[in-house]
Amino acid sequence: MELVEQSKDAATVKRVFGEPIQHGDIVVIPVARVAQGGGGGQGQGKGEKGEEGGGSGGGFGFGATPAGVFVLKNGDALWRPAVDVNRIVIGGQLVAVVLLLTLRTIFKKRRRRR
């Protein structure tokens, strides 16, 4: 039960919204995407060679990634999303692979027609 209590402490609003940062008349509030999960298991029964069975297990995971910032200036609130460069690169690579496979198929069909 201690693990459950610790997980409740980890899932607070402070994990999503960071401390406000003020510079002149501008306030920036960092925001993150937060995810957590846990699980457990139990086993019983005899082993393959007749020995006593048993077992148990459990685990907990927590992760956070930047989502962006709220910029507060002159009474206005603006949302500035964080850019994940890795997602952009992977998306570009997927588009390139699909394009190359399509071109290969087109050229193969043209060769067969000749």
Foldseek 3Di string as FASTA:
>chain_A
DVVVVVVVVVPDVCLAWPDWDDDPQKIKIWGKDKDKDKDKDWDADADPVRHGDIDMDMDMDIDIDTFFIWMAHPNDTDTDGDDDVVVVVVVVVVVVVVVVVVVVVVVVVVVVVD
